[in-house]
C-alpha cells in the first residue's frame, strides 16, 4: 500500500525566491552522473560534482524542492535521536565517531554553505531549544547533554524564567540549547541550491521522473517518459518519496508524515513575544511538537500526522498542540495547512547504500533532513569523486527491509494513537 502523492502546497511556496526556469528531458544524453531526486540531498550532490567539473543530469518528477525539501519546517537540528554510546554500539568504533561528527558539524556545514554561495533563504542560526514535555523526559535530556557535550557539541541546559524568556511559553520548565541550530526557508534553500548548481554546469530536468534504471556496457541508462540519460553513476536521493525504481530501496525505510500549519500574520507584539531571539523549538514527545517563526511575521507549528493533505484529525492535533504550547492561539489563528514525508529507518540513522558498482543511494534522515540531507549530498559526491567507502563518514550498508513494511500505514496510524496516549499520560503525571 503506497501513500497518495500530495497536491497540497506548503506555505513556503508563498514566500520562496523565484525558481530557476525548468526544462524537461526530451532527448538521449550522456553525462558522468545522473541524480534522481532534486531535493536537498540531490541538489547538494549536484552542486559539489558540477563544481568539480563532472557533467551532471539531475532528474525530478516535479521540480526542485517539491517534496519534503520544500515542505519541511526548515529547522536545522544538528543532533541525532540517540546518545553517542548507542550510536557507537550500532556502528562500531570507526563509523560511530564519524557519524557523531557528521551530526555535530551539520548545522555549521549548512550555514557555511549558505554563506559561501550567498544563498537567499532567510537563514537564522540562533540556536535550537528542545523542551522536556514531562519530568521523566528531563532524564533523557540529561543523558543527551552529557553524551553529546563529551563529543564536542555545544549543548547546554536552560530552565525556569530563562527558558520562558527565550521560548515565550510556560509549557516547558527544562530544555537544552544547541547553539549551532537554526532555521531556513527550505523551499528557497532548495531553489537556491538549484540555481548555483545550474551556474556550475549541472543540468536540472523537472517533470522528468525516472521510470527505469538498467545496465548499459558498464554504465547505467536512466529512462524518463521522453528521454534517456547514460552515465557512469546513478545517485538515488529520494528519501521519503522513494518508489520501486531501485528494487528493494523503498522497503528500507518507512515514510512518516510531518504535518504543519502557519498562523495568520501576527502583530509585532504577538510575533516578538514568541521565541524573541529567533530560536527554533521542539520537544521530547513521542508525537513531537515543533515550531519556529518564519523570520517575517508568522509562527509555524508542526507534529506527526497521517495525511500530506493535513486531514481533519491532523488539524485537530495541531489545534490542540499549538494551544497547549502557546495558549494565546486557537484554531481560528491558523491559516495554511500542509504535510510532507520524512524517511524513518529502523536504526534512526541515515543510510548509505551502494548495491551495484555505480549505483548509490543516500536517505533516511528521521526528521533531521535539512542538515543531514545537506551532509549526505556531499558524502555522495565524495564517493563519486573516488573516495573509498571505508573512508566515508557514513558506513555503506546493504539493503535491509523494514519489518512488515507492507503494513506500515496501519502500523504508523496505530503507533501515533498509542504514543499520543502515552504523551498525554506523561504530561498529566509529571
Protein backbone atom coordinates (compact mmCIF):
# COMPACT_ATOMS: atom_id res chain seq x y z
CA UNK A 1 0.00 0.00 0.00
CA UNK A 2 1.52 3.31 -1.07
CA UNK A 3 0.88 6.78 0.23
CA UNK A 4 -1.01 9.21 -2.00
CA UNK A 5 1.05 11.99 -3.55
CA UNK A 6 0.43 15.40 -2.04
CA UNK A 7 -1.22 18.09 -4.12
CA UNK A 8 -1.39 20.47 -1.19
CA UNK A 9 1.32 23.13 -1.49
CA UNK A 10 3.22 24.24 1.58
CA UNK A 11 3.16 27.77 2.92
CA UNK A 12 6.72 28.14 1.69
CA UNK A 13 5.51 28.47 -1.90
CA UNK A 14 4.07 31.86 -0.92
CA UNK A 15 7.38 33.32 0.27
CA UNK A 16 10.12 31.44 -1.61
CA UNK A 17 12.56 33.03 -4.02
CA UNK A 18 11.74 32.53 -7.67
CA UNK A 19 12.59 29.15 -9.14
CA UNK A 20 15.19 28.80 -11.89
CA UNK A 21 13.24 28.14 -15.12
CA UNK A 22 12.99 24.38 -15.58
CA UNK A 23 13.21 22.09 -18.58
CA UNK A 24 12.01 18.58 -19.31
CA UNK A 25 14.33 15.86 -20.59
CA UNK A 26 13.23 15.15 -24.17
CA UNK A 27 16.31 13.56 -25.71
CA UNK A 28 19.00 10.96 -25.15
CA UNK A 29 22.07 12.41 -23.42
CA UNK A 30 25.36 11.25 -21.92
CA UNK A 31 26.57 12.57 -18.55
CA UNK A 32 29.10 11.50 -15.92
CA UNK A 33 26.46 11.33 -13.18
CA UNK A 34 22.67 11.05 -13.09
CA UNK A 35 20.94 12.12 -9.86
CA UNK A 36 17.36 11.09 -9.18
CA UNK A 37 15.58 13.46 -6.82
CA UNK A 38 16.03 17.24 -6.74
CA UNK A 39 15.67 17.73 -3.01
CA UNK A 40 18.35 18.96 -0.65
CA UNK A 41 20.49 15.81 -0.93
CA UNK A 42 20.40 15.60 -4.70
CA UNK A 43 20.93 19.33 -5.16
CA UNK A 44 23.94 19.40 -2.81
CA UNK A 45 25.47 16.42 -4.62
CA UNK A 46 24.85 18.10 -7.98
CA UNK A 47 26.49 21.31 -6.79
CA UNK A 48 29.58 19.55 -5.46
CA UNK A 49 30.00 17.37 -8.54
CA UNK A 50 29.40 20.11 -11.08
CA UNK A 51 31.80 22.40 -9.21
CA UNK A 52 34.50 19.73 -9.58
CA UNK A 53 33.99 19.53 -13.35
CA UNK A 54 31.70 16.49 -13.61
CA UNK A 55 28.79 16.60 -16.03
CA UNK A 56 25.55 16.09 -14.12
CA UNK A 57 21.91 15.43 -15.04
CA UNK A 58 19.52 15.89 -12.13
CA UNK A 59 16.03 14.44 -12.65
CA UNK A 60 12.88 15.13 -10.68
CA UNK A 61 9.30 14.01 -11.15
CA UNK A 62 8.17 17.52 -10.25
CA UNK A 63 10.60 20.39 -9.64
CA UNK A 64 13.45 21.18 -7.23
CA UNK A 65 12.18 21.23 -3.66
CA UNK A 66 8.71 19.88 -4.50
CA UNK A 67 8.88 17.03 -1.96
CA UNK A 68 10.00 17.02 1.64
CA UNK A 69 12.72 19.60 1.00
CA UNK A 70 10.10 22.25 0.28
CA UNK A 71 7.57 21.01 2.84
CA UNK A 72 9.77 20.62 5.92
CA UNK A 73 9.64 23.08 8.78
CA UNK A 74 13.11 24.26 7.79
CA UNK A 75 14.61 23.61 11.24
CA UNK A 76 18.33 22.89 11.35
CA UNK A 77 18.74 20.37 14.18
CA UNK A 78 22.38 19.15 14.46
CA UNK A 79 21.75 16.23 16.79
CA UNK A 80 20.81 12.56 16.36
CA UNK A 81 17.97 10.91 18.29
CA UNK A 82 20.16 8.67 20.48
CA UNK A 83 23.03 9.12 22.91
CA UNK A 84 26.52 8.74 21.40
CA UNK A 85 27.18 5.48 23.19
CA UNK A 86 24.23 3.83 21.47
CA UNK A 87 25.31 5.06 18.04
CA UNK A 88 28.85 3.79 18.56
CA UNK A 89 27.43 0.45 19.67
CA UNK A 90 25.38 0.33 16.46
CA UNK A 91 28.12 1.42 14.04
CA UNK A 92 31.38 0.48 15.76
CA UNK A 93 34.44 2.44 16.78
CA UNK A 94 35.26 3.67 13.27
CA UNK A 95 31.95 4.79 11.80
CA UNK A 96 30.29 5.58 15.14
CA UNK A 97 32.50 8.60 15.91
CA UNK A 98 32.34 9.69 12.27
CA UNK A 99 28.55 9.68 12.38
CA UNK A 100 28.63 11.73 15.59
CA UNK A 101 30.97 14.24 14.00
CA UNK A 102 28.69 14.49 10.96
CA UNK A 103 25.73 15.39 13.15
CA UNK A 104 27.69 17.80 15.32
CA UNK A 105 29.07 19.68 12.31
CA UNK A 106 25.91 19.51 10.20
CA UNK A 107 24.48 22.85 11.30
CA UNK A 108 27.66 24.78 10.69
CA UNK A 109 28.21 22.96 7.39
CA UNK A 110 24.82 24.07 6.16
CA UNK A 111 25.17 27.69 7.24
CA UNK A 112 28.73 27.84 5.88
CA UNK A 113 27.41 26.59 2.53
CA UNK A 114 24.76 29.32 2.57
CA UNK A 115 27.43 31.94 3.23
CA UNK A 116 29.85 30.55 0.64
CA UNK A 117 27.31 30.64 -2.17
CA UNK A 118 25.27 33.60 -0.87
CA UNK A 119 22.05 31.59 -0.86
CA UNK A 120 18.97 33.74 -0.31
CA UNK A 121 16.91 31.61 2.09
CA UNK A 122 16.15 33.63 5.26
CA UNK A 123 18.78 31.76 7.26
CA UNK A 124 18.99 32.31 11.02
CA UNK A 125 21.49 30.45 13.23
CA UNK A 126 20.43 31.48 16.71
CA UNK A 127 20.06 28.06 18.31
CA UNK A 128 17.59 25.23 18.88
CA UNK A 129 15.61 24.68 22.09
CA UNK A 130 14.42 21.15 22.94
CA UNK A 131 11.94 21.16 25.81
CA UNK A 132 11.13 18.32 28.21
CA UNK A 133 7.41 17.62 27.93
CA UNK A 134 7.33 15.98 31.37
CA UNK A 135 9.55 15.45 34.41
CA UNK A 136 10.64 11.97 33.32
CA UNK A 137 11.89 13.36 29.99
CA UNK A 138 14.42 15.53 31.81
CA UNK A 139 16.48 12.37 32.38
CA UNK A 140 16.63 11.84 28.62
CA UNK A 141 17.76 15.43 28.11
CA UNK A 142 20.43 15.00 30.76
CA UNK A 143 21.76 11.86 29.08
CA UNK A 144 21.82 13.56 25.68
CA UNK A 145 23.50 16.63 27.14
CA UNK A 146 26.20 14.64 28.88
CA UNK A 147 26.89 12.31 25.99
CA UNK A 148 26.94 14.81 23.14
CA UNK A 149 28.84 17.51 25.02
CA UNK A 150 31.61 14.97 25.66
CA UNK A 151 31.97 14.61 21.89
CA UNK A 152 32.18 18.35 21.29
CA UNK A 153 28.63 19.56 20.67
CA UNK A 154 27.90 22.99 22.12
CA UNK A 155 24.79 21.95 24.09
CA UNK A 156 23.66 23.44 27.39
CA UNK A 157 20.75 23.37 29.82
CA UNK A 158 18.24 26.14 30.39
CA UNK A 159 15.43 26.24 32.94
CA UNK A 160 12.79 28.37 34.59
CA UNK A 161 12.46 32.04 33.74
CA UNK A 162 15.46 32.00 31.42
CA UNK A 163 13.72 29.34 29.32
CA UNK A 164 10.47 31.27 29.47
CA UNK A 165 12.28 34.36 28.19
CA UNK A 166 13.82 32.52 25.22
CA UNK A 167 10.78 30.45 24.27
CA UNK A 168 7.83 32.66 25.07
CA UNK A 169 5.95 29.75 26.64
CA UNK A 170 5.38 28.18 30.05
CA UNK A 171 4.84 24.74 28.51
CA UNK A 172 8.40 23.60 29.27
CA UNK A 173 10.31 24.01 32.52
CA UNK A 174 13.60 22.49 31.28
CA UNK A 175 15.25 22.41 27.87
CA UNK A 176 18.57 22.00 26.14
CA UNK A 177 20.02 24.57 23.78
CA UNK A 178 22.12 23.59 20.77
CA UNK A 179 23.90 26.74 19.72
CA UNK A 180 24.59 25.72 16.11
CA UNK A 181 20.92 25.05 15.37
CA UNK A 182 18.70 27.40 13.46
CA UNK A 183 16.30 27.62 10.56
CA UNK A 184 15.96 28.43 6.88
CA UNK A 185 13.23 28.96 4.31
CA UNK A 186 13.55 25.41 2.95
CA UNK A 187 11.99 25.89 -0.48
CA UNK A 188 14.17 28.95 -1.04
CA UNK A 189 17.19 26.91 0.09
CA UNK A 190 16.33 24.18 -2.42
CA UNK A 191 15.75 26.65 -5.23
CA UNK A 192 18.95 28.49 -4.45
CA UNK A 193 20.93 25.23 -4.46
CA UNK A 194 19.36 24.54 -7.86
CA UNK A 195 20.42 27.98 -9.06
CA UNK A 196 24.06 27.68 -8.07
CA UNK A 197 24.28 24.05 -9.26
CA UNK A 198 22.99 25.20 -12.63
CA UNK A 199 25.51 28.05 -12.67
CA UNK A 200 28.24 25.45 -12.12
CA UNK A 201 27.04 23.48 -15.14
CA UNK A 202 24.56 20.92 -13.77
CA UNK A 203 21.51 20.22 -15.95
CA UNK A 204 18.31 20.05 -13.93
CA UNK A 205 15.27 18.44 -15.54
CA UNK A 206 11.85 18.97 -13.97
CA UNK A 207 8.77 16.86 -14.71
CA UNK A 208 11.18 14.08 -15.72
CA UNK A 209 10.60 11.08 -13.43
CA UNK A 210 12.98 8.15 -13.63
CA UNK A 211 10.98 5.17 -14.91
CA UNK A 212 13.77 2.62 -15.01
CA UNK A 213 17.49 2.23 -14.41
CA UNK A 214 19.20 -0.51 -16.44
CA UNK A 215 22.84 -1.55 -17.04
CA UNK A 216 24.42 -0.50 -20.34
CA UNK A 217 28.02 -1.67 -21.02
CA UNK A 218 29.45 -0.91 -17.56
CA UNK A 219 27.32 2.22 -17.44
CA UNK A 220 23.72 2.88 -16.49
CA UNK A 221 20.79 4.06 -18.55
CA UNK A 222 18.05 6.03 -16.82
CA UNK A 223 14.82 6.25 -18.78
CA UNK A 224 12.25 9.03 -18.37
CA UNK A 225 8.91 9.42 -20.22
CA UNK A 226 10.54 11.40 -23.04
CA UNK A 227 14.30 10.85 -22.76
CA UNK A 228 17.26 8.83 -21.54
CA UNK A 229 20.49 9.54 -19.67
CA UNK A 230 23.52 7.25 -19.88
CA UNK A 231 26.07 7.75 -17.12
CA UNK A 232 28.79 6.07 -15.06
CA UNK A 233 27.00 6.81 -11.78
CA UNK A 234 23.36 7.00 -10.71
CA UNK A 235 22.52 8.57 -7.32
CA UNK A 236 19.15 7.95 -5.68
CA UNK A 237 18.24 10.92 -3.47
CA UNK A 238 14.52 10.33 -2.99
CA UNK A 239 14.19 9.87 0.81
CA UNK A 240 10.53 9.70 1.94
CA UNK A 241 9.33 9.72 -1.68
CA UNK A 242 11.31 6.63 -2.67
CA UNK A 243 9.49 4.33 -5.11
CA UNK A 244 10.29 0.99 -6.71
CA UNK A 245 12.68 2.27 -9.40
CA UNK A 246 15.62 0.76 -7.49
CA UNK A 247 14.38 -2.62 -6.36
CA UNK A 248 14.49 -3.05 -2.59
CA UNK A 249 15.28 0.56 -1.65
CA UNK A 250 11.70 1.52 -0.83
CA UNK A 251 11.47 -1.28 1.73
CA UNK A 252 14.46 0.01 3.75
CA UNK A 253 12.52 3.00 5.11
CA UNK A 254 9.05 3.84 6.36
CA UNK A 255 7.64 7.19 5.20
CA UNK A 256 6.18 9.19 8.08
CA UNK A 257 4.07 12.29 7.61
CA UNK A 258 5.01 15.60 9.14
CA UNK A 259 2.05 17.99 9.23
CA UNK A 260 2.25 21.72 9.76
CA UNK A 261 0.23 24.87 9.97
CA UNK A 262 1.14 28.52 9.92
CA UNK A 263 -0.60 31.33 11.75
CA UNK A 264 -2.25 34.34 10.27
CA UNK A 265 0.09 37.35 10.05
CA UNK A 266 0.85 38.35 13.63
CA UNK A 267 1.09 41.80 15.13
CA UNK A 268 4.55 42.95 16.15
CA UNK A 269 3.67 42.40 19.81
CA UNK A 270 2.41 38.86 19.18
CA UNK A 271 5.38 37.98 17.00
CA UNK A 272 8.02 39.39 19.33
CA UNK A 273 6.59 37.58 22.37
CA UNK A 274 7.35 34.17 20.81
CA UNK A 275 10.94 32.91 20.52
CA UNK A 276 12.14 36.54 20.69
CA UNK A 277 15.79 35.74 19.89
CA UNK A 278 14.98 33.60 16.87
CA UNK A 279 15.47 30.12 18.34
CA UNK A 280 13.63 27.11 16.99
CA UNK A 281 11.72 24.90 19.41
CA UNK A 282 10.79 21.22 19.60
CA UNK A 283 10.10 18.85 22.46
CA UNK A 284 10.62 15.31 23.73
CA UNK A 285 7.16 13.98 22.92
CA UNK A 286 6.95 10.73 21.01
CA UNK A 287 4.47 12.51 18.74
CA UNK A 288 6.64 15.57 18.56
CA UNK A 289 5.61 19.22 18.72
CA UNK A 290 7.90 21.64 16.91
CA UNK A 291 7.73 25.28 15.89
CA UNK A 292 9.66 28.25 14.63
CA UNK A 293 8.98 31.71 13.27
CA UNK A 294 9.17 32.32 9.54
CA UNK A 295 11.55 35.27 10.09
CA UNK A 296 8.83 37.66 8.94
CA UNK A 297 5.52 37.76 10.83
CA UNK A 298 4.15 34.25 11.26
CA UNK A 299 4.61 31.24 13.52
CA UNK A 300 4.84 27.72 12.07
CA UNK A 301 3.77 24.77 14.19
CA UNK A 302 4.06 21.06 13.37
CA UNK A 303 3.68 17.49 14.56
CA UNK A 304 3.38 13.98 13.14
CA UNK A 305 0.24 13.12 11.21
CA UNK A 306 -1.38 10.74 8.77
CA UNK A 307 -2.10 12.79 5.65
CA UNK A 308 0.00 15.02 3.44
CA UNK A 309 -3.22 16.94 2.87
CA UNK A 310 -3.33 17.52 6.67
CA UNK A 311 -6.76 15.96 7.19
CA UNK A 312 -9.32 16.81 9.87
CA UNK A 313 -7.69 14.59 12.52
CA UNK A 314 -4.26 16.11 11.79
CA UNK A 315 -5.67 19.62 12.05
CA UNK A 316 -7.33 18.78 15.34
CA UNK A 317 -3.98 17.55 16.65
CA UNK A 318 -2.29 20.80 15.57
CA UNK A 319 -5.05 22.89 17.14
CA UNK A 320 -4.62 21.12 20.45
CA UNK A 321 -0.84 21.27 20.26
CA UNK A 322 -0.43 24.95 19.49
CA UNK A 323 -2.94 25.92 22.18
CA UNK A 324 -1.01 23.81 24.70
CA UNK A 325 2.32 25.45 23.91
CA UNK A 326 1.01 28.94 23.14
CA UNK A 327 -2.42 29.32 24.79
CA UNK A 328 -2.94 32.70 23.15
CA UNK A 329 -3.61 30.91 19.84
CA UNK A 330 -6.56 28.79 18.77
CA UNK A 331 -7.70 27.02 15.61
CA UNK A 332 -9.01 30.33 14.25
CA UNK A 333 -5.45 31.72 14.22
CA UNK A 334 -4.10 29.03 11.86
CA UNK A 335 -4.08 29.93 8.21
CA UNK A 336 -2.40 27.37 5.90
CA UNK A 337 -2.02 23.61 6.48
CA UNK A 338 0.16 21.07 4.65
CA UNK A 339 2.17 17.89 5.06
CA UNK A 340 5.24 16.12 3.70
CA UNK A 341 7.09 12.83 4.06
CA UNK A 342 10.16 12.06 6.08
CA UNK A 343 12.01 8.75 5.91
CA UNK A 344 12.28 6.72 9.11
CA UNK A 345 14.88 3.96 9.42
CA UNK A 346 14.99 1.10 11.96
CA UNK A 347 18.30 2.39 13.38
CA UNK A 348 17.03 6.01 13.39
CA UNK A 349 20.21 6.91 11.47
CA UNK A 350 20.84 7.79 7.80
CA UNK A 351 21.50 5.01 5.29
CA UNK A 352 24.13 4.97 2.55
CA UNK A 353 23.89 2.13 0.02
CA UNK A 354 25.95 1.02 -2.96
CA UNK A 355 24.03 -2.04 -4.24
CA UNK A 356 25.96 -2.24 -7.51
CA UNK A 357 29.05 -0.53 -9.00
CA UNK A 358 27.98 2.96 -9.99
CA UNK A 359 24.70 2.95 -8.02
CA UNK A 360 24.43 4.97 -4.80
CA UNK A 361 21.54 5.83 -2.52
CA UNK A 362 21.51 8.19 0.47
CA UNK A 363 18.36 8.58 2.55
CA UNK A 364 16.71 8.13 5.95
CA UNK A 365 17.18 11.33 7.95
CA UNK A 366 14.47 10.67 10.56
CA UNK A 367 13.36 14.29 10.78
CA UNK A 368 16.85 15.79 10.54
CA UNK A 369 16.85 16.12 6.76
CA UNK A 370 17.62 19.81 6.35
CA UNK A 371 21.04 19.45 7.96
CA UNK A 372 21.82 15.77 7.35
CA UNK A 373 20.47 15.82 3.79
CA UNK A 374 22.99 18.57 3.11
CA UNK A 375 25.75 16.42 4.60
CA UNK A 376 24.68 13.32 2.68
CA UNK A 377 24.80 15.18 -0.63
CA UNK A 378 28.44 15.97 0.00
CA UNK A 379 29.23 12.39 1.02
CA UNK A 380 27.63 11.01 -2.15
CA UNK A 381 29.72 13.42 -4.22
CA UNK A 382 32.88 12.34 -2.39
CA UNK A 383 32.20 8.71 -3.28
CA UNK A 384 31.71 9.56 -6.96
CA UNK A 385 34.92 11.57 -6.89
CA UNK A 386 36.85 8.49 -5.79
CA UNK A 387 36.77 8.35 -2.01
CA UNK A 388 36.71 4.75 -0.84
CA UNK A 389 33.64 3.50 1.07
CA UNK A 390 35.77 2.74 4.13
CA UNK A 391 36.89 6.38 4.25
CA UNK A 392 33.43 7.95 4.12
CA UNK A 393 31.73 9.47 7.16
CA UNK A 394 28.71 7.15 6.92
CA UNK A 395 29.01 3.37 6.55
CA UNK A 396 27.90 1.76 3.31
CA UNK A 397 25.38 -0.98 4.08
CA UNK A 398 23.26 -3.48 2.19
CA UNK A 399 19.50 -3.24 1.85
CA UNK A 400 17.60 -4.49 4.88
CA UNK A 401 13.84 -4.47 4.57
CA UNK A 402 11.88 -2.74 7.31
CA UNK A 403 9.94 -5.46 9.21
CA UNK A 404 6.32 -5.76 7.98
CA UNK A 405 6.91 -2.94 5.53
CA UNK A 406 3.71 -3.65 3.62
CA UNK A 407 1.66 -2.86 6.72
CA UNK A 408 3.44 0.38 7.56
CA UNK A 409 0.43 2.69 7.14
CA UNK A 410 -1.61 0.71 9.63
CA UNK A 411 1.38 0.45 11.93
CA UNK A 412 2.12 4.16 11.83
CA UNK A 413 -1.52 5.03 12.50
CA UNK A 414 -1.64 2.69 15.48
CA UNK A 415 1.71 3.93 16.80
CA UNK A 416 0.67 7.57 16.63
CA UNK A 417 -2.51 6.88 18.57
CA UNK A 418 -0.63 4.84 21.16
CA UNK A 419 2.19 7.34 21.59
CA UNK A 420 -0.22 10.26 21.80
CA UNK A 421 -1.89 8.49 24.70
CA UNK A 422 1.45 7.92 26.43
CA UNK A 423 2.44 11.56 25.90
CA UNK A 424 -0.86 12.67 27.43
CA UNK A 425 -0.30 10.40 30.44
CA UNK A 426 3.23 11.78 30.82
CA UNK A 427 2.05 15.37 30.96
CA UNK A 428 -0.72 14.56 33.45
CA UNK A 429 1.59 12.68 35.82
CA UNK A 430 4.61 14.95 35.70
